């Protein structure tokens, strides 16, 4: 089993989900008391959030690249960046290390393709919804993405930064997200990408009339498959 390097803390709420899911998936695959081999570097999200707000993406990329190098030096054999938004600087991270970096957009696109969908709604931070670093990945895979209207994008973004990253899960915010999902479906979305790792704390498949694609789970499932490799079944406990 390879060691998964998790570059997290953005926010710690979603990073905890990455860690939990990795261990649950490994135990499901290998049985017994198996758990995932994980190295987690959890950055201070306040530092990252200030750089986001100021548009200082290059500096944010340098910060995360340095932490990625630290994970590789500590023994990580593959890397996941435990956030959608900061994939905006994924190139800096990939250039900083020699180990594989699993892109959340590639894992999500593959899952959507498996279901034969061609048009999906995208929920996430304003950066994720409006900038091309994730939507471009979808387009390259032949998947069209539709995003909420300007007012609704502001609601989605606010709930993430003012509530979900602080561990606040509110019923009225869930209702707003459900309404926004319905609008995306009316505009032709065949599925909904939960394109912020914290959204999965608020929204499940029960909240949408079409399939949802929870990027945190999809991302870590891809990482666990890579970490276990083809020999996973041979390692299962009798």
Foldseek 3Di string as FASTA:
>chain_A
DFEEEEEEPLPVLLVVVLQVLQQVVLCVLFPDNDGHRYDYDHDHNVVVVVCVVVVVLVVVLVVSLVVLLVSVVVGGQEYEYRWLLNLVSVVSNPVSDDHHYQHLLLLLLVVCVVVVAAEAEEFDACSNQPDCSNQVSNVVSNHHYDYFPPVLNVLSNCCVVVAQSVPHADPVSLVSVLVRLVVVVVVPHQEYEDRTSSCVVHDDCVSHPHHYRRSSSSRSVVVSCVRCDPCSNVNHDD
